Protein backbone atom coordinates (compact mmCIF):
# COMPACT_ATOMS: atom_id res chain seq x y z
CA MET A 1 132.43 185.15 25.78
CA LYS A 2 131.49 184.57 22.14
CA GLN A 3 131.41 187.00 19.72
CA ALA A 4 129.67 187.43 16.57
CA LYS A 5 131.31 188.69 13.36
CA LYS A 6 129.99 191.53 11.62
CA ASN A 7 130.17 192.56 8.12
CA THR A 8 132.47 194.98 7.75
CA GLU A 9 132.98 194.85 3.68
CA ARG A 10 130.13 197.97 3.65
CA TYR A 11 130.17 201.19 5.05
CA TYR A 12 128.53 201.87 8.20
CA GLU A 13 127.87 204.73 10.15
CA LYS A 14 129.03 204.46 13.80
CA TRP A 15 125.91 204.20 16.15
CA VAL A 16 126.04 205.36 19.93
CA CYS A 17 123.93 205.70 22.79
CA SER A 18 121.55 208.32 22.44
CA GLN A 19 121.89 208.90 26.12
CA CYS A 20 125.54 209.49 26.83
CA GLY A 21 126.96 208.91 22.98
CA GLY A 22 129.40 206.17 24.14
CA GLU A 23 130.27 203.43 21.41
CA ASP A 24 130.45 200.77 23.85
CA VAL A 25 127.09 199.49 22.97
CA GLN A 26 125.68 196.06 22.43
CA GLN A 27 122.93 194.53 20.58
CA GLN A 28 121.32 191.21 21.35
CA SER A 29 121.70 188.92 18.40
CA TRP A 30 120.82 184.98 17.32
CA THR A 31 124.03 182.95 16.51
CA TYR A 32 124.56 179.37 15.74
CA ILE A 33 125.64 178.29 18.83
CA ASN A 34 128.03 175.76 16.70
CA THR A 35 129.39 178.15 14.34
CA ASP A 36 129.35 181.22 16.06
CA ALA A 37 127.71 182.72 12.51
CA LEU A 38 125.48 185.47 12.91
CA VAL A 39 122.06 184.69 11.85
CA ASP A 40 119.81 188.33 12.79
CA TYR A 41 119.96 191.23 15.25
CA ILE A 42 117.20 191.41 17.34
CA ASP A 43 116.17 195.12 17.11
CA GLY A 44 115.66 197.51 20.03
CA PHE A 45 117.79 195.92 22.60
CA TYR A 46 120.69 197.42 23.28
CA TYR A 47 123.10 197.47 26.54
CA CYS A 48 125.66 200.85 26.90
CA ASP A 49 128.87 199.65 28.82
CA ASP A 50 129.09 203.33 29.95
CA CYS A 51 125.37 203.84 30.96
CA GLN A 52 125.41 200.40 32.41
CA SER A 53 122.17 200.25 31.29
CA ASP A 54 119.36 198.49 29.43
CA GLU A 55 116.90 201.17 28.62
CA ILE A 56 118.90 202.80 26.09
CA LYS A 57 118.32 203.86 22.33
CA VAL A 58 121.27 203.90 19.48
CA VAL A 59 121.41 206.90 17.16
CA GLU A 60 123.93 207.66 14.70
CA GLU A 61 126.95 209.33 15.64
CA SER A 62 126.03 212.06 13.21
CA GLU A 63 122.74 212.50 14.92
CA PHE A 64 123.77 212.43 18.60
CA THR A 65 123.90 215.97 19.82
CA ILE A 66 124.82 217.70 23.65
CA ASN A 67 121.08 218.90 23.58
CA GLU A 68 120.32 214.88 24.09
CA LEU A 69 122.32 215.23 27.39
CA GLU A 70 120.46 218.28 28.62
CA GLU A 71 117.03 216.86 27.93
CA LYS A 72 118.22 214.10 30.58
């Protein structure tokens, strides 16, 4: 599987799954097929490897609380 390279020059807070707090979240994106260059992200389409679900949202790690787990 080809992987897009993200810009790591700027600091971003870590995004996590809003359901489980897991870090292994995938986001759909557009890439150039011949160069693997990242063109853009498709907002709102995420998949959590830990939940094995694509019906999730993402939150910044600092915003994730255990209360979100209890709301399930």
